[in-house]
Protein backbone atom coordinates (compact mmCIF):
# COMPACT_ATOMS: atom_id res chain seq x y z
CA LEU A 1 129.49 94.05 117.53
CA VAL A 2 127.59 93.12 114.37
CA CYS A 3 124.89 95.72 115.11
CA ASN A 4 127.60 98.35 115.53
CA LEU A 5 129.34 97.34 112.29
CA TYR A 6 126.12 97.41 110.26
CA GLY A 7 124.46 100.37 111.98
CA MET A 8 121.44 98.28 112.95
CA GLU A 9 119.48 97.64 116.15
CA VAL A 10 119.10 93.84 116.49
CA ALA A 11 121.25 90.85 115.48
CA ASN A 12 120.47 87.14 115.64
CA ALA A 13 122.63 84.25 116.78
CA GLY A 14 123.85 83.48 113.27
CA MET A 15 122.83 81.82 110.05
CA TYR A 16 124.49 79.12 107.94
CA ASP A 17 126.45 81.44 105.61
CA GLY A 18 126.26 84.80 103.85
CA ALA A 19 124.17 83.59 100.91
CA THR A 20 121.54 81.84 103.03
CA SER A 21 121.49 84.79 105.42
CA LEU A 22 120.62 87.11 102.53
CA ALA A 23 117.98 84.67 101.27
CA GLU A 24 116.42 84.59 104.74
CA GLY A 25 116.43 88.40 104.74
CA VAL A 26 114.51 88.39 101.46
CA LEU A 27 111.97 85.91 102.84
CA MET A 28 111.64 88.03 105.97
CA ALA A 29 110.91 91.10 103.83
CA CYS A 30 108.14 89.14 102.09
CA ARG A 31 106.63 88.27 105.49
CA VAL A 32 106.86 91.85 106.75
CA THR A 33 105.37 93.46 103.63
CA ARG A 34 103.03 90.57 102.75
CA ARG A 35 104.20 90.79 99.13
CA ASP A 36 105.51 88.09 96.83
CA ARG A 37 107.84 89.87 94.42
CA VAL A 38 111.54 90.51 94.97
CA ALA A 39 113.97 92.75 93.07
CA LEU A 40 117.61 91.64 92.97
CA ALA A 41 120.33 94.10 91.97
CA SER A 42 122.24 93.02 88.88
CA THR A 43 125.47 93.72 90.79
CA LEU A 44 124.62 91.16 93.47
CA SER A 45 126.82 88.05 93.53
CA PRO A 46 125.53 85.52 90.95
CA ALA A 47 125.85 82.74 93.54
CA TYR A 48 123.81 84.74 96.06
CA ARG A 49 121.13 85.44 93.42
CA GLU A 50 120.84 81.70 92.75
CA VAL A 51 120.47 80.88 96.45
CA ILE A 52 117.74 83.53 96.76
CA ARG A 53 115.93 82.13 93.72
CA THR A 54 116.12 78.62 95.18
CA TYR A 55 114.65 79.78 98.50
CA CYS A 56 111.90 81.78 96.78
CA GLN A 57 110.89 79.22 94.16
CA ALA A 58 109.20 76.80 96.57
CA GLN A 59 107.15 79.60 98.11
CA GLY A 60 105.96 81.05 94.80
CA ILE A 61 107.91 84.28 95.26
CA VAL A 62 108.82 85.91 91.95
CA THR A 63 112.36 87.28 91.58
CA ARG A 64 113.63 89.65 88.94
CA THR A 65 116.89 91.45 88.32
CA VAL A 66 117.06 95.27 88.27
CA SER A 67 119.75 97.86 87.74
CA PRO A 68 120.85 99.43 91.03
CA ALA A 69 121.54 102.72 89.21
CA SER A 70 117.84 103.08 88.39
CA PRO A 71 115.92 100.37 90.26
CA GLU A 72 112.47 100.10 88.74
CA ILE A 73 110.26 98.50 91.35
CA ASP A 74 106.52 98.69 91.89
CA ASP A 75 104.16 98.65 94.85
CA LYS A 76 103.96 94.84 94.72
CA THR A 77 107.68 94.42 95.41
CA ALA A 78 108.61 93.21 98.91
CA CYS A 79 112.25 94.23 98.81
CA LEU A 80 115.23 95.32 96.84
CA ALA A 81 118.29 93.16 97.61
CA VAL A 82 121.73 94.68 97.05
CA GLN A 83 125.33 93.98 97.96
CA TYR A 84 127.56 96.61 99.60
CA PRO A 85 130.21 96.85 98.26
CA ASN A 86 128.75 95.11 95.25
CA PHE A 87 130.07 91.93 93.62
CA TYR A 88 132.52 94.00 91.56
CA GLY A 89 133.84 95.94 94.58
CA TYR A 90 132.00 99.16 93.72
CA LEU A 91 130.13 101.27 96.29
CA GLU A 92 126.70 102.10 94.91
CA ASP A 93 124.56 105.01 96.08
CA LEU A 94 122.61 103.36 98.90
CA THR A 95 120.66 106.57 99.55
CA LEU A 96 119.22 106.44 96.02
CA ILE A 97 118.55 102.71 96.31
CA ALA A 98 116.90 103.00 99.75
CA ASP A 99 114.71 105.89 98.56
CA ALA A 100 113.62 103.88 95.50
CA ALA A 101 112.65 100.90 97.66
CA HIS A 102 110.95 102.86 100.43
CA SER A 103 108.99 105.04 97.99
CA GLN A 104 107.15 101.88 96.91
CA GLY A 105 106.74 100.48 100.43
CA ALA A 106 109.47 97.89 99.85
CA LEU A 107 112.33 97.09 102.22
CA LEU A 108 116.02 97.48 101.49
CA VAL A 109 117.96 94.26 102.17
CA ALA A 110 121.74 94.63 101.95
CA SER A 111 124.43 91.97 102.03
CA THR A 112 127.50 93.71 103.44
CA ASP A 113 131.12 92.72 103.90
CA PRO A 114 131.82 93.24 107.63
CA ILE A 115 135.34 94.55 106.93
CA ALA A 116 133.98 97.17 104.52
CA ALA A 117 131.42 98.17 107.16
CA GLY A 118 134.33 99.11 109.39
CA LEU A 119 135.76 101.36 106.69
CA PHE A 120 132.69 103.02 105.18
CA GLN A 121 129.32 104.26 106.38
CA PRO A 122 127.29 101.17 107.34
CA PRO A 123 124.04 100.30 105.54
CA GLY A 124 122.04 101.36 108.61
CA HIS A 125 123.27 104.91 107.97
CA TYR A 126 121.39 104.75 104.65
CA ASP A 127 118.20 103.43 106.30
CA ALA A 128 118.60 99.80 105.25
CA ASP A 129 115.91 97.59 106.81
CA ILE A 130 117.74 94.26 106.91
CA VAL A 131 121.51 93.84 106.67
CA THR A 132 123.22 90.49 106.26
CA GLY A 133 126.73 89.32 105.56
CA GLU A 134 129.34 86.60 105.57
CA GLY A 135 131.27 86.32 108.84
CA GLN A 136 134.25 84.46 107.37
CA PRO A 137 136.25 87.69 106.75
CA LEU A 138 136.26 88.28 110.52
CA GLY A 139 138.86 85.53 110.90
CA ILE A 140 136.89 82.39 111.68
CA PRO A 141 139.18 79.53 110.65
CA PRO A 142 137.62 76.94 108.33
CA SER A 143 137.56 73.39 109.64
CA PHE A 144 137.10 70.59 107.10
CA GLY A 145 135.47 73.01 104.63
CA GLY A 146 133.58 75.12 107.18
CA PRO A 147 132.11 76.60 109.21
CA TYR A 148 130.97 79.76 107.58
CA LEU A 149 128.85 82.23 109.46
CA GLY A 150 125.87 84.18 108.18
CA LEU A 151 125.44 87.54 109.86
CA PHE A 152 121.89 88.92 110.17
CA THR A 153 120.69 92.26 111.54
CA THR A 154 117.51 94.30 111.28
CA LYS A 155 115.59 97.20 112.74
CA GLN A 156 113.90 96.72 116.12
CA GLU A 157 110.43 96.99 114.56
CA PHE A 158 111.00 93.77 112.58
CA LEU A 159 112.28 91.75 115.55
CA ARG A 160 109.34 89.30 115.57
CA GLN A 161 109.97 88.30 111.96
CA MET A 162 113.67 87.48 112.35
CA PRO A 163 114.79 83.94 111.51
CA SER A 164 116.97 81.91 113.91
CA ARG A 165 117.57 82.92 117.54
CA LEU A 166 118.40 86.20 119.27
């Protein structure tokens, strides 16, 4: 179901929550590309950006914020992380963003609301490499403050680098 929603080929058995799922996607992109720089869209949730920075700090991965309208990344960047729809509810041009990332050999990592994926073209349609999300909107009732559910999907070619279980 998650693969169908996100337009991707492989999904794992779940992550802790949406923020940590996105952070794991960023780390996976660093493993795949063997690069240690990450570009974060300025329209990504501030809380998600902080979780990514926390995950990256211990591994010496450098993060920086870029504009999704004109993402300036170089050939040392592992990935461009975006949110779809973004933190403000706006749908950015994922074709432009994917082309900018792929032209430099970087991966596109998108955090996507699963409900929005049922309404709009999924990130896989735009050639996203890793797509994550928060499963809570799918109707999982919270129990004593949780659980949340991190969704994680990717292309078949990156299967061996996926975190968690299939």
